[in-house]
Amino acid sequence: MGVALLGSSAVSLTAGILLLSRSRSFGQPIQVEIVGDPNTISPVMGPALVHAPVLASCGIGRELGSGALVIVPGPAASPLAVSISEDGTGEWFLVDRAGDGVHPASRAFVALCRSADPEQRALGRELRDALGALGCPAEPALIDLLCGTPAPPLIRLSLALRAGQAMRGGPRVPITRYLAPTVNGLPDPLDGPVCSHDLAQARLDGRLDHLLDRAHLRVRDRLADWLEAMDRCDPQGQYAPLVCGLVDVLGHLASLPPNSMLPPLSPASDGVAVALGAALGAGEGESDANLSLIHMFRFLGGRFTDQARYPVDLPFPAPPEGRLERWQWFCRATRQAADTADTLWRRIVDPAQ
């Protein structure tokens, strides 16, 4: 019994691996061939981090990941491609691995901490101390998560705190403990994404003070002093992306009702946050995810051939050029392949009469 799949692509490879794995599990060995040249398969390069059960079941990234987490290593200087969506079919973004930052806010954070101006360095130290009080190390990668994740602000905050606390270890610190009861009503967050003009206007009309009033007294004055000092020592707006990004998130935090909590993370995003520390240091292993599929396919007994009488065509769009776009394409292809493999398996074990 055998099946031939037309086209050497991520769809065909994943479908072939899943069919071979299932045949072994059920004791019904089948022969799976792919009509195509494995040398023409487009590379999908790491480093990357995603929660993808299909990819994990095909053996991709399991050396460093666990369960459905996939950690694909890559060059240390390359930023980490990340998706917090299930199976990686949603948006992807980049997280720093070299200590320089990827998002403008994280680059501003690094520049502030390395500034030649003593006052600016002191402000950077205060921000690092504040992150430490929340259980987070002062990593540019966490600022990338906080300001660059394609998700609502409070989800970004939950993600960054979860990742930072997982990297540092120890008990989790609930950030809502720093919110004070409100007597003048809950403030509205500033319309995001916040820019320098929005922040300046909020200072003038009192909206910024209304946001800061949600913080406990022991925190409120330090926040106000830090924002005022940042405005005073940065007339050129070099650090505006960092300040605006923080105010954007803090504004949504201040709008939470008393005794509330941050929104919970989905299993996929929580897994990605916990594994971020391991992914940042992943530098060994196979960095081409598509090549890993080829190795697994051959390991399970799959073969490549030049022709077959009745191949099954598994079409899928051509791979895009960008690294993030290609990872999204790759994950969507493998998700489609899993659904296709189920259909093919039913046709093999219970063919129409």
C-alpha atoms as a PDB file:
ATOM      1  CA  MET A   1       0.000   0.000   0.000  1.00  0.00           C
ATOM      2  CA  GLY A   2       1.378   3.408  -0.888  1.00  0.00           C
ATOM      3  CA  VAL A   3       0.611   7.008  -1.698  1.00  0.00           C
ATOM      4  CA  ALA A   4       2.453   9.560  -3.824  1.00  0.00           C
ATOM      5  CA  LEU A   5       2.303  13.296  -3.090  1.00  0.00           C
ATOM      6  CA  LEU A   6       2.959  15.773  -5.873  1.00  0.00           C
ATOM      7  CA  GLY A   7       5.340  18.656  -5.275  1.00  0.00           C
ATOM      8  CA  SER A   8       8.207  18.866  -2.800  1.00  0.00           C
ATOM      9  CA  SER A   9       6.915  21.530  -0.441  1.00  0.00           C
ATOM     10  CA  ALA A  10       6.211  21.989   3.254  1.00  0.00           C
ATOM     11  CA  VAL A  11       2.662  20.741   2.672  1.00  0.00           C
ATOM     12  CA  SER A  12       3.770  17.504   1.026  1.00  0.00           C
ATOM     13  CA  LEU A  13       6.566  16.883   3.518  1.00  0.00           C
ATOM     14  CA  THR A  14       4.357  17.424   6.574  1.00  0.00           C
ATOM     15  CA  ALA A  15       1.525  15.324   5.153  1.00  0.00           C
ATOM     16  CA  GLY A  16       4.002  12.553   4.338  1.00  0.00           C
ATOM     17  CA  ILE A  17       5.510  12.609   7.840  1.00  0.00           C
ATOM     18  CA  LEU A  18       2.099  12.481   9.499  1.00  0.00           C
ATOM     19  CA  LEU A  19       0.952   9.603   7.288  1.00  0.00           C
ATOM     20  CA  LEU A  20       4.118   7.624   8.008  1.00  0.00           C
ATOM     21  CA  SER A  21       3.864   8.284  11.754  1.00  0.00           C
ATOM     22  CA  ARG A  22       0.210   7.254  11.855  1.00  0.00           C
ATOM     23  CA  SER A  23       0.854   4.087   9.860  1.00  0.00           C
ATOM     24  CA  ARG A  24       3.480   3.020  12.371  1.00  0.00           C
ATOM     25  CA  SER A  25       1.204   3.754  15.299  1.00  0.00           C
ATOM     26  CA  PHE A  26      -1.630   1.678  13.835  1.00  0.00           C
ATOM     27  CA  GLY A  27       0.597  -1.128  12.585  1.00  0.00           C
ATOM     28  CA  GLN A  28      -0.367  -0.525   8.957  1.00  0.00           C
ATOM     29  CA  PRO A  29       2.913   0.289   7.199  1.00  0.00           C
ATOM     30  CA  ILE A  30       2.491   2.253   3.989  1.00  0.00           C
ATOM     31  CA  GLN A  31       4.936   3.618   1.464  1.00  0.00           C
ATOM     32  CA  VAL A  32       4.910   7.384   0.984  1.00  0.00           C
ATOM     33  CA  GLU A  33       6.691   9.057  -1.920  1.00  0.00           C
ATOM     34  CA  ILE A  34       6.997  12.711  -2.872  1.00  0.00           C
ATOM     35  CA  VAL A  35       7.219  13.550  -6.557  1.00  0.00           C
ATOM     36  CA  GLY A  36       9.791  16.316  -6.674  1.00  0.00           C
ATOM     37  CA  ASP A  37      13.371  17.328  -5.987  1.00  0.00           C
ATOM     38  CA  PRO A  38      14.202  17.992  -2.298  1.00  0.00           C
ATOM     39  CA  ASN A  39      16.937  20.417  -3.385  1.00  0.00           C
ATOM     40  CA  THR A  40      14.300  22.843  -4.675  1.00  0.00           C
ATOM     41  CA  ILE A  41      12.539  23.220  -1.314  1.00  0.00           C
ATOM     42  CA  SER A  42      12.656  26.796  -0.019  1.00  0.00           C
ATOM     43  CA  PRO A  43      14.589  27.260   3.254  1.00  0.00           C
ATOM     44  CA  VAL A  44      12.793  28.539   6.345  1.00  0.00           C
ATOM     45  CA  MET A  45      15.560  29.832   8.577  1.00  0.00           C
ATOM     46  CA  GLY A  46      15.710  30.332  12.337  1.00  0.00           C
ATOM     47  CA  PRO A  47      15.985  31.526  14.971  1.00  0.00           C
ATOM     48  CA  ALA A  48      12.274  31.215  15.625  1.00  0.00           C
ATOM     49  CA  LEU A  49       9.872  30.479  18.482  1.00  0.00           C
ATOM     50  CA  VAL A  50       6.266  29.322  18.097  1.00  0.00           C
ATOM     51  CA  HIS A  51       3.670  27.088  19.743  1.00  0.00           C
ATOM     52  CA  ALA A  52       2.823  24.673  16.918  1.00  0.00           C
ATOM     53  CA  PRO A  53       1.689  21.103  17.701  1.00  0.00           C
ATOM     54  CA  VAL A  54       1.947  20.101  14.030  1.00  0.00           C
ATOM     55  CA  LEU A  55       5.566  21.237  13.691  1.00  0.00           C
ATOM     56  CA  ALA A  56       6.500  19.717  17.051  1.00  0.00           C
ATOM     57  CA  SER A  57       4.953  16.372  16.067  1.00  0.00           C
ATOM     58  CA  CYS A  58       7.143  16.452  12.945  1.00  0.00           C
ATOM     59  CA  GLY A  59      10.271  16.798  15.092  1.00  0.00           C
ATOM     60  CA  ILE A  60      11.051  20.445  14.359  1.00  0.00           C
ATOM     61  CA  GLY A  61      12.695  22.322  17.215  1.00  0.00           C
ATOM     62  CA  ARG A  62      12.154  19.587  19.792  1.00  0.00           C
ATOM     63  CA  GLU A  63      15.793  19.560  20.910  1.00  0.00           C
ATOM     64  CA  LEU A  64      15.267  22.803  22.835  1.00  0.00           C
ATOM     65  CA  GLY A  65      11.481  23.016  23.015  1.00  0.00           C
ATOM     66  CA  SER A  66       9.039  20.871  24.939  1.00  0.00           C
ATOM     67  CA  GLY A  67       5.516  19.724  24.256  1.00  0.00           C
ATOM     68  CA  ALA A  68       4.083  21.761  21.399  1.00  0.00           C
ATOM     69  CA  LEU A  69       6.770  24.461  21.652  1.00  0.00           C
ATOM     70  CA  VAL A  70       9.071  24.806  18.681  1.00  0.00           C
ATOM     71  CA  ILE A  71      12.435  26.516  19.128  1.00  0.00           C
ATOM     72  CA  VAL A  72      14.475  26.670  15.935  1.00  0.00           C
ATOM     73  CA  PRO A  73      18.069  27.865  16.526  1.00  0.00           C
ATOM     74  CA  GLY A  74      19.961  30.323  14.380  1.00  0.00           C
ATOM     75  CA  PRO A  75      22.832  32.831  14.309  1.00  0.00           C
ATOM     76  CA  ALA A  76      23.291  34.681  17.595  1.00  0.00           C
ATOM     77  CA  ALA A  77      23.201  38.084  15.908  1.00  0.00           C
ATOM     78  CA  SER A  78      19.906  37.400  14.130  1.00  0.00           C
ATOM     79  CA  PRO A  79      16.717  38.547  15.880  1.00  0.00           C
ATOM     80  CA  LEU A  80      14.272  35.905  17.015  1.00  0.00           C
ATOM     81  CA  ALA A  81      11.137  35.449  14.877  1.00  0.00           C
ATOM     82  CA  VAL A  82       8.175  34.954  17.233  1.00  0.00           C
ATOM     83  CA  SER A  83       4.470  34.237  16.921  1.00  0.00           C
ATOM     84  CA  ILE A  84       2.079  33.999  19.875  1.00  0.00           C
ATOM     85  CA  SER A  85      -0.769  32.620  17.754  1.00  0.00           C
ATOM     86  CA  GLU A  86      -1.675  28.934  17.817  1.00  0.00           C
ATOM     87  CA  ASP A  87       0.237  27.046  15.094  1.00  0.00           C
ATOM     88  CA  GLY A  88       1.981  30.278  14.071  1.00  0.00           C
ATOM     89  CA  THR A  89      -0.696  31.104  11.501  1.00  0.00           C
ATOM     90  CA  GLY A  90      -1.146  34.678  12.807  1.00  0.00           C
ATOM     91  CA  GLU A  91       1.208  37.639  12.752  1.00  0.00           C
ATOM     92  CA  TRP A  92       4.936  37.263  13.413  1.00  0.00           C
ATOM     93  CA  PHE A  93       7.325  39.808  14.904  1.00  0.00           C
ATOM     94  CA  LEU A  94      10.989  40.101  15.879  1.00  0.00           C
ATOM     95  CA  VAL A  95      12.622  40.019  19.314  1.00  0.00           C
ATOM     96  CA  ASP A  96      16.206  41.080  20.019  1.00  0.00           C
ATOM     97  CA  ARG A  97      18.960  38.542  20.741  1.00  0.00           C
ATOM     98  CA  ALA A  98      22.091  40.700  20.400  1.00  0.00           C
ATOM     99  CA  GLY A  99      21.366  43.261  23.130  1.00  0.00           C
ATOM    100  CA  ASP A 100      20.678  46.149  20.751  1.00  0.00           C
ATOM    101  CA  GLY A 101      16.890  45.998  20.511  1.00  0.00           C
ATOM    102  CA  VAL A 102      14.643  45.605  17.470  1.00  0.00           C
ATOM    103  CA  HIS A 103      11.637  47.824  18.199  1.00  0.00           C
ATOM    104  CA  PRO A 104      12.340  51.607  18.352  1.00  0.00           C
ATOM    105  CA  ALA A 105      11.352  51.544  22.041  1.00  0.00           C
ATOM    106  CA  SER A 106      13.900  48.864  22.926  1.00  0.00           C
ATOM    107  CA  ARG A 107      16.587  50.660  20.906  1.00  0.00           C
ATOM    108  CA  ALA A 108      15.801  53.808  22.864  1.00  0.00           C
ATOM    109  CA  PHE A 109      16.037  51.800  26.106  1.00  0.00           C
ATOM    110  CA  VAL A 110      19.523  50.558  25.174  1.00  0.00           C
ATOM    111  CA  ALA A 111      20.606  54.083  24.145  1.00  0.00           C
ATOM    112  CA  LEU A 112      19.321  55.503  27.441  1.00  0.00           C
ATOM    113  CA  CYS A 113      21.245  52.960  29.521  1.00  0.00           C
ATOM    114  CA  ARG A 114      24.439  53.550  27.507  1.00  0.00           C
ATOM    115  CA  SER A 115      24.148  57.336  27.290  1.00  0.00           C
ATOM    116  CA  ALA A 116      27.179  59.519  27.953  1.00  0.00           C
ATOM    117  CA  ASP A 117      24.948  61.866  29.973  1.00  0.00           C
ATOM    118  CA  PRO A 118      25.010  60.896  33.696  1.00  0.00           C
ATOM    119  CA  GLU A 119      21.419  62.066  34.219  1.00  0.00           C
ATOM    120  CA  GLN A 120      20.165  59.946  31.351  1.00  0.00           C
ATOM    121  CA  ARG A 121      22.080  56.904  32.602  1.00  0.00           C
ATOM    122  CA  ALA A 122      20.535  57.434  36.036  1.00  0.00           C
ATOM    123  CA  LEU A 123      17.062  57.462  34.459  1.00  0.00           C
ATOM    124  CA  GLY A 124      17.911  54.234  32.665  1.00  0.00           C
ATOM    125  CA  ARG A 125      18.984  52.739  35.983  1.00  0.00           C
ATOM    126  CA  GLU A 126      15.666  53.734  37.537  1.00  0.00           C
ATOM    127  CA  LEU A 127      13.797  51.984  34.753  1.00  0.00           C
ATOM    128  CA  ARG A 128      15.910  48.847  35.198  1.00  0.00           C
ATOM    129  CA  ASP A 129      15.207  48.937  38.936  1.00  0.00           C
ATOM    130  CA  ALA A 130      11.479  49.224  38.232  1.00  0.00           C
ATOM    131  CA  LEU A 131      11.630  46.191  35.944  1.00  0.00           C
ATOM    132  CA  GLY A 132      13.558  44.316  38.627  1.00  0.00           C
ATOM    133  CA  ALA A 133      10.861  45.124  41.197  1.00  0.00           C
ATOM    134  CA  LEU A 134       8.378  43.411  38.889  1.00  0.00           C
ATOM    135  CA  GLY A 135      10.606  40.351  38.635  1.00  0.00           C
ATOM    136  CA  CYS A 136      11.869  41.128  35.127  1.00  0.00           C
ATOM    137  CA  PRO A 137      15.491  41.326  33.985  1.00  0.00           C
ATOM    138  CA  ALA A 138      16.458  44.446  32.039  1.00  0.00           C
ATOM    139  CA  GLU A 139      16.456  42.753  28.633  1.00  0.00           C
ATOM    140  CA  PRO A 140      15.824  44.644  25.373  1.00  0.00           C
ATOM    141  CA  ALA A 141      13.930  41.513  24.297  1.00  0.00           C
ATOM    142  CA  LEU A 142      11.306  42.205  26.954  1.00  0.00           C
ATOM    143  CA  ILE A 143      10.839  45.774  25.697  1.00  0.00           C
ATOM    144  CA  ASP A 144      10.397  44.281  22.217  1.00  0.00           C
ATOM    145  CA  LEU A 145       7.660  42.047  23.640  1.00  0.00           C
ATOM    146  CA  LEU A 146       6.043  44.886  25.563  1.00  0.00           C
ATOM    147  CA  CYS A 147       5.954  47.360  22.677  1.00  0.00           C
ATOM    148  CA  GLY A 148       6.254  45.245  19.532  1.00  0.00           C
ATOM    149  CA  THR A 149       3.925  42.278  19.986  1.00  0.00           C
ATOM    150  CA  PRO A 150       0.920  42.525  17.618  1.00  0.00           C
ATOM    151  CA  ALA A 151      -1.620  42.295  20.447  1.00  0.00           C
ATOM    152  CA  PRO A 152      -3.653  44.627  22.701  1.00  0.00           C
ATOM    153  CA  PRO A 153      -1.590  46.590  25.283  1.00  0.00           C
ATOM    154  CA  LEU A 154      -2.677  44.571  28.335  1.00  0.00           C
ATOM    155  CA  ILE A 155      -1.899  41.290  26.571  1.00  0.00           C
ATOM    156  CA  ARG A 156       1.526  42.700  25.724  1.00  0.00           C
ATOM    157  CA  LEU A 157       2.026  43.618  29.373  1.00  0.00           C
ATOM    158  CA  SER A 158       0.979  40.148  30.553  1.00  0.00           C
ATOM    159  CA  LEU A 159       3.292  38.564  28.007  1.00  0.00           C
ATOM    160  CA  ALA A 160       6.332  40.660  28.975  1.00  0.00           C
ATOM    161  CA  LEU A 161       5.803  40.087  32.709  1.00  0.00           C
ATOM    162  CA  ARG A 162       5.333  36.341  32.230  1.00  0.00           C
ATOM    163  CA  ALA A 163       8.452  36.101  30.068  1.00  0.00           C
ATOM    164  CA  GLY A 164      10.554  38.212  32.443  1.00  0.00           C
ATOM    165  CA  GLN A 165       9.501  36.304  35.537  1.00  0.00           C
ATOM    166  CA  ALA A 166      10.136  32.979  33.778  1.00  0.00           C
ATOM    167  CA  MET A 167      13.630  34.140  32.810  1.00  0.00           C
ATOM    168  CA  ARG A 168      14.483  35.324  36.302  1.00  0.00           C
ATOM    169  CA  GLY A 169      12.621  32.671  38.317  1.00  0.00           C
ATOM    170  CA  GLY A 170      11.016  33.187  41.681  1.00  0.00           C
ATOM    171  CA  PRO A 171       7.460  34.194  42.594  1.00  0.00           C
ATOM    172  CA  ARG A 172       5.285  36.217  40.219  1.00  0.00           C
ATOM    173  CA  VAL A 173       4.634  39.820  41.218  1.00  0.00           C
ATOM    174  CA  PRO A 174       1.084  41.001  40.393  1.00  0.00           C
ATOM    175  CA  ILE A 175       1.442  44.474  38.914  1.00  0.00           C
ATOM    176  CA  THR A 176      -2.141  45.395  39.818  1.00  0.00           C
ATOM    177  CA  ARG A 177      -1.047  45.575  43.460  1.00  0.00           C
ATOM    178  CA  TYR A 178       0.415  48.995  42.615  1.00  0.00           C
ATOM    179  CA  LEU A 179      -2.975  50.374  41.557  1.00  0.00           C
ATOM    180  CA  ALA A 180      -4.808  52.598  44.062  1.00  0.00           C
ATOM    181  CA  PRO A 181      -8.599  52.825  44.472  1.00  0.00           C
ATOM    182  CA  THR A 182     -10.160  55.508  42.338  1.00  0.00           C
ATOM    183  CA  VAL A 183     -12.408  58.325  43.555  1.00  0.00           C
ATOM    184  CA  ASN A 184     -12.701  60.363  40.342  1.00  0.00           C
ATOM    185  CA  GLY A 185     -13.674  57.527  38.022  1.00  0.00           C
ATOM    186  CA  LEU A 186     -11.484  55.291  35.901  1.00  0.00           C
ATOM    187  CA  PRO A 187      -9.262  57.216  33.464  1.00  0.00           C
ATOM    188  CA  ASP A 188      -9.433  56.534  29.750  1.00  0.00           C
ATOM    189  CA  PRO A 189      -6.184  55.339  28.163  1.00  0.00           C
ATOM    190  CA  LEU A 190      -4.592  57.570  25.576  1.00  0.00           C
ATOM    191  CA  ASP A 191      -5.505  56.707  22.021  1.00  0.00           C
ATOM    192  CA  GLY A 192      -2.752  54.428  20.778  1.00  0.00           C
ATOM    193  CA  PRO A 193      -0.279  54.169  19.386  1.00  0.00           C
ATOM    194  CA  VAL A 194       0.820  57.114  21.543  1.00  0.00           C
ATOM    195  CA  CYS A 195       3.159  59.650  19.910  1.00  0.00           C
ATOM    196  CA  SER A 196       5.081  62.622  21.328  1.00  0.00           C
ATOM    197  CA  HIS A 197       2.294  65.036  20.365  1.00  0.00           C
ATOM    198  CA  ASP A 198      -0.316  62.916  22.189  1.00  0.00           C
ATOM    199  CA  LEU A 199       1.856  62.767  25.295  1.00  0.00           C
ATOM    200  CA  ALA A 200       2.494  66.530  25.297  1.00  0.00           C
ATOM    201  CA  GLN A 201      -1.228  67.218  24.911  1.00  0.00           C
ATOM    202  CA  ALA A 202      -2.028  64.813  27.743  1.00  0.00           C
ATOM    203  CA  ARG A 203       0.365  66.731  29.992  1.00  0.00           C
ATOM    204  CA  LEU A 204      -1.361  70.009  29.201  1.00  0.00           C
ATOM    205  CA  ASP A 205      -4.980  68.908  29.615  1.00  0.00           C
ATOM    206  CA  GLY A 206      -4.386  66.869  32.781  1.00  0.00           C
ATOM    207  CA  ARG A 207      -5.079  63.418  31.333  1.00  0.00           C
ATOM    208  CA  LEU A 208      -1.575  62.244  32.202  1.00  0.00           C
ATOM    209  CA  ASP A 209      -2.019  63.282  35.833  1.00  0.00           C
ATOM    210  CA  HIS A 210      -5.355  61.448  35.886  1.00  0.00           C
ATOM    211  CA  LEU A 211      -3.576  58.281  34.720  1.00  0.00           C
ATOM    212  CA  LEU A 212      -0.786  58.676  37.271  1.00  0.00           C
ATOM    213  CA  ASP A 213      -3.321  59.119  40.067  1.00  0.00           C
ATOM    214  CA  ARG A 214      -4.229  55.436  39.732  1.00  0.00           C
ATOM    215  CA  ALA A 215      -0.814  54.488  41.126  1.00  0.00           C
ATOM    216  CA  HIS A 216      -0.228  54.141  44.853  1.00  0.00           C
ATOM    217  CA  LEU A 217       1.408  57.166  46.456  1.00  0.00           C
ATOM    218  CA  ARG A 218       4.698  55.346  46.915  1.00  0.00           C
ATOM    219  CA  VAL A 219       4.815  54.774  43.155  1.00  0.00           C
ATOM    220  CA  ARG A 220       2.941  57.774  41.755  1.00  0.00           C
ATOM    221  CA  ASP A 221       5.526  60.427  42.621  1.00  0.00           C
ATOM    222  CA  ARG A 222       8.412  58.349  41.269  1.00  0.00           C
ATOM    223  CA  LEU A 223       6.555  57.787  37.995  1.00  0.00           C
ATOM    224  CA  ALA A 224       5.769  61.491  37.660  1.00  0.00           C
ATOM    225  CA  ASP A 225       9.355  62.502  38.456  1.00  0.00           C
ATOM    226  CA  TRP A 226      10.752  59.984  35.953  1.00  0.00           C
ATOM    227  CA  LEU A 227       8.476  61.170  33.143  1.00  0.00           C
ATOM    228  CA  GLU A 228       9.259  64.809  33.906  1.00  0.00           C
ATOM    229  CA  ALA A 229      13.000  64.140  33.948  1.00  0.00           C
ATOM    230  CA  MET A 230      12.795  62.229  30.663  1.00  0.00           C
ATOM    231  CA  ASP A 231      10.970  65.156  29.067  1.00  0.00           C
ATOM    232  CA  ARG A 232      13.521  67.643  30.412  1.00  0.00           C
ATOM    233  CA  CYS A 233      16.701  65.792  29.442  1.00  0.00           C
ATOM    234  CA  ASP A 234      15.521  64.720  25.967  1.00  0.00           C
ATOM    235  CA  PRO A 235      14.647  67.860  23.988  1.00  0.00           C
ATOM    236  CA  GLN A 236      15.371  66.103  20.674  1.00  0.00           C
ATOM    237  CA  GLY A 237      12.931  63.262  21.373  1.00  0.00           C
ATOM    238  CA  GLN A 238      15.551  60.520  21.077  1.00  0.00           C
ATOM    239  CA  TYR A 239      13.844  58.427  23.752  1.00  0.00           C
ATOM    240  CA  ALA A 240      10.276  59.281  22.754  1.00  0.00           C
ATOM    241  CA  PRO A 241       9.485  55.756  21.418  1.00  0.00           C
ATOM    242  CA  LEU A 242      10.339  54.277  24.823  1.00  0.00           C
ATOM    243  CA  VAL A 243       8.414  56.838  26.879  1.00  0.00           C
ATOM    244  CA  CYS A 244       5.375  56.775  24.569  1.00  0.00           C
ATOM    245  CA  GLY A 245       5.342  52.985  24.520  1.00  0.00           C
ATOM    246  CA  LEU A 246       5.409  52.802  28.316  1.00  0.00           C
ATOM    247  CA  VAL A 247       2.693  55.462  28.706  1.00  0.00           C
ATOM    248  CA  ASP A 248       0.533  53.628  26.171  1.00  0.00           C
ATOM    249  CA  VAL A 249       0.658  50.422  28.224  1.00  0.00           C
ATOM    250  CA  LEU A 250       0.395  52.176  31.604  1.00  0.00           C
ATOM    251  CA  GLY A 251      -2.676  54.049  30.401  1.00  0.00           C
ATOM    252  CA  HIS A 252      -4.518  50.788  29.764  1.00  0.00           C
ATOM    253  CA  LEU A 253      -3.289  49.412  33.088  1.00  0.00           C
ATOM    254  CA  ALA A 254      -4.638  52.494  34.887  1.00  0.00           C
ATOM    255  CA  SER A 255      -8.058  51.963  33.299  1.00  0.00           C
ATOM    256  CA  LEU A 256      -8.521  48.602  35.048  1.00  0.00           C
ATOM    257  CA  PRO A 257     -11.143  48.501  37.816  1.00  0.00           C
ATOM    258  CA  PRO A 258      -9.989  48.093  41.440  1.00  0.00           C
ATOM    259  CA  ASN A 259      -9.092  44.544  42.553  1.00  0.00           C
ATOM    260  CA  SER A 260      -8.913  43.380  38.948  1.00  0.00           C
ATOM    261  CA  MET A 261      -6.231  41.351  37.193  1.00  0.00           C
ATOM    262  CA  LEU A 262      -4.430  41.356  33.876  1.00  0.00           C
ATOM    263  CA  PRO A 263      -6.065  39.295  31.129  1.00  0.00           C
ATOM    264  CA  PRO A 264      -4.866  35.670  31.110  1.00  0.00           C
ATOM    265  CA  LEU A 265      -2.654  34.502  28.281  1.00  0.00           C
ATOM    266  CA  SER A 266      -3.685  31.796  25.864  1.00  0.00           C
ATOM    267  CA  PRO A 267      -1.808  28.472  26.141  1.00  0.00           C
ATOM    268  CA  ALA A 268       0.153  29.326  22.996  1.00  0.00           C
ATOM    269  CA  SER A 269       1.257  32.788  24.141  1.00  0.00           C
ATOM    270  CA  ASP A 270       1.991  31.577  27.676  1.00  0.00           C
ATOM    271  CA  GLY A 271       4.184  28.787  26.323  1.00  0.00           C
ATOM    272  CA  VAL A 272       6.054  31.223  24.102  1.00  0.00           C
ATOM    273  CA  ALA A 273       6.619  33.589  27.037  1.00  0.00           C
ATOM    274  CA  VAL A 274       7.981  30.814  29.272  1.00  0.00           C
ATOM    275  CA  ALA A 275      10.318  29.540  26.534  1.00  0.00           C
ATOM    276  CA  LEU A 276      11.645  32.954  25.503  1.00  0.00           C
ATOM    277  CA  GLY A 277      14.777  32.694  27.643  1.00  0.00           C
ATOM    278  CA  ALA A 278      15.758  29.360  26.069  1.00  0.00           C
ATOM    279  CA  ALA A 279      15.000  30.654  22.575  1.00  0.00           C
ATOM    280  CA  LEU A 280      17.195  33.737  23.037  1.00  0.00           C
ATOM    281  CA  GLY A 281      20.209  31.490  23.573  1.00  0.00           C
ATOM    282  CA  ALA A 282      19.372  28.838  20.974  1.00  0.00           C
ATOM    283  CA  GLY A 283      22.432  28.668  18.721  1.00  0.00           C
ATOM    284  CA  GLU A 284      22.978  24.982  18.005  1.00  0.00           C
ATOM    285  CA  GLY A 285      21.079  22.504  15.875  1.00  0.00           C
ATOM    286  CA  GLU A 286      19.348  22.581  12.501  1.00  0.00           C
ATOM    287  CA  SER A 287      18.384  26.155  11.660  1.00  0.00           C
ATOM    288  CA  ASP A 288      16.401  25.362   8.484  1.00  0.00           C
ATOM    289  CA  ALA A 289      12.942  24.141   9.477  1.00  0.00           C
ATOM    290  CA  ASN A 290      12.166  22.817   5.994  1.00  0.00           C
ATOM    291  CA  LEU A 291      15.400  20.806   5.961  1.00  0.00           C
ATOM    292  CA  SER A 292      14.365  19.304   9.298  1.00  0.00           C
ATOM    293  CA  LEU A 293      11.165  18.115   7.625  1.00  0.00           C
ATOM    294  CA  ILE A 294      13.208  16.432   4.890  1.00  0.00           C
ATOM    295  CA  HIS A 295      15.379  14.641   7.469  1.00  0.00           C
ATOM    296  CA  MET A 296      12.333  13.428   9.417  1.00  0.00           C
ATOM    297  CA  PHE A 297      10.534  12.297   6.256  1.00  0.00           C
ATOM    298  CA  ARG A 298      13.512  10.207   5.190  1.00  0.00           C
ATOM    299  CA  PHE A 299      14.056   8.894   8.723  1.00  0.00           C
ATOM    300  CA  LEU A 300      10.514   7.502   8.757  1.00  0.00           C
ATOM    301  CA  GLY A 301      11.065   5.748   5.429  1.00  0.00           C
ATOM    302  CA  GLY A 302       9.712   8.326   2.989  1.00  0.00           C
ATOM    303  CA  ARG A 303      11.276   8.638  -0.447  1.00  0.00           C
ATOM    304  CA  PHE A 304      11.558  11.207  -3.222  1.00  0.00           C
ATOM    305  CA  THR A 305      10.847  10.159  -6.792  1.00  0.00           C
ATOM    306  CA  ASP A 306      10.768  11.700 -10.255  1.00  0.00           C
ATOM    307  CA  GLN A 307       7.376  10.363 -11.269  1.00  0.00           C
ATOM    308  CA  ALA A 308       4.312   8.471 -10.075  1.00  0.00           C
ATOM    309  CA  ARG A 309       1.176   7.217 -11.833  1.00  0.00           C
ATOM    310  CA  TYR A 310      -1.479   8.815  -9.620  1.00  0.00           C
ATOM    311  CA  PRO A 311       0.104  11.493  -7.401  1.00  0.00           C
ATOM    312  CA  VAL A 312      -2.027  13.519  -5.006  1.00  0.00           C
ATOM    313  CA  ASP A 313      -1.617  17.231  -5.694  1.00  0.00           C
ATOM    314  CA  LEU A 314      -1.335  19.406  -2.546  1.00  0.00           C
ATOM    315  CA  PRO A 315      -1.229  22.979  -3.899  1.00  0.00           C
ATOM    316  CA  PHE A 316      -0.135  25.935  -1.811  1.00  0.00           C
ATOM    317  CA  PRO A 317       1.028  29.503  -2.655  1.00  0.00           C
ATOM    318  CA  ALA A 318       4.691  30.107  -3.429  1.00  0.00           C
ATOM    319  CA  PRO A 319       6.828  31.144  -0.433  1.00  0.00           C
ATOM    320  CA  PRO A 320       7.289  34.904   0.122  1.00  0.00           C
ATOM    321  CA  GLU A 321      10.712  36.493   0.463  1.00  0.00           C
ATOM    322  CA  GLY A 322      10.554  38.108   3.924  1.00  0.00           C
ATOM    323  CA  ARG A 323      11.602  35.956   6.897  1.00  0.00           C
ATOM    324  CA  LEU A 324       8.522  36.719   8.978  1.00  0.00           C
ATOM    325  CA  GLU A 325       6.205  36.288   6.001  1.00  0.00           C
ATOM    326  CA  ARG A 326       7.886  32.997   5.129  1.00  0.00           C
ATOM    327  CA  TRP A 327       7.450  31.648   8.656  1.00  0.00           C
ATOM    328  CA  GLN A 328       3.767  32.507   8.564  1.00  0.00           C
ATOM    329  CA  TRP A 329       3.487  30.848   5.135  1.00  0.00           C
ATOM    330  CA  PHE A 330       5.338  27.787   6.436  1.00  0.00           C
ATOM    331  CA  CYS A 331       3.113  27.412   9.495  1.00  0.00           C
ATOM    332  CA  ARG A 332      -0.062  27.834   7.461  1.00  0.00           C
ATOM    333  CA  ALA A 333       1.221  25.230   5.014  1.00  0.00           C
ATOM    334  CA  THR A 334       1.923  22.681   7.720  1.00  0.00           C
ATOM    335  CA  ARG A 335      -1.466  23.344   9.348  1.00  0.00           C
ATOM    336  CA  GLN A 336      -3.138  22.672   5.999  1.00  0.00           C
ATOM    337  CA  ALA A 337      -1.017  19.549   5.596  1.00  0.00           C
ATOM    338  CA  ALA A 338      -2.267  18.164   8.911  1.00  0.00           C
ATOM    339  CA  ASP A 339      -5.875  18.502   7.751  1.00  0.00           C
ATOM    340  CA  THR A 340      -4.968  16.961   4.392  1.00  0.00           C
ATOM    341  CA  ALA A 341      -3.223  14.022   6.061  1.00  0.00           C
ATOM    342  CA  ASP A 342      -6.395  13.191   7.991  1.00  0.00           C
ATOM    343  CA  THR A 343      -8.377  13.067   4.749  1.00  0.00           C
ATOM    344  CA  LEU A 344      -5.746  10.953   2.994  1.00  0.00           C
ATOM    345  CA  TRP A 345      -5.549   8.557   5.925  1.00  0.00           C
ATOM    346  CA  ARG A 346      -9.293   7.905   5.823  1.00  0.00           C
ATOM    347  CA  ARG A 347      -9.015   7.217   2.100  1.00  0.00           C
ATOM    348  CA  ILE A 348      -6.204   4.730   2.738  1.00  0.00           C
ATOM    349  CA  VAL A 349      -7.711   2.763   5.628  1.00  0.00           C
ATOM    350  CA  ASP A 350     -11.312   2.947   4.408  1.00  0.00           C
ATOM    351  CA  PRO A 351     -11.298   3.492   0.644  1.00  0.00           C
ATOM    352  CA  ALA A 352     -14.555   4.110  -1.192  1.00  0.00           C
ATOM    353  CA  GLN A 353     -15.913   0.914  -2.720  1.00  0.00           C
END
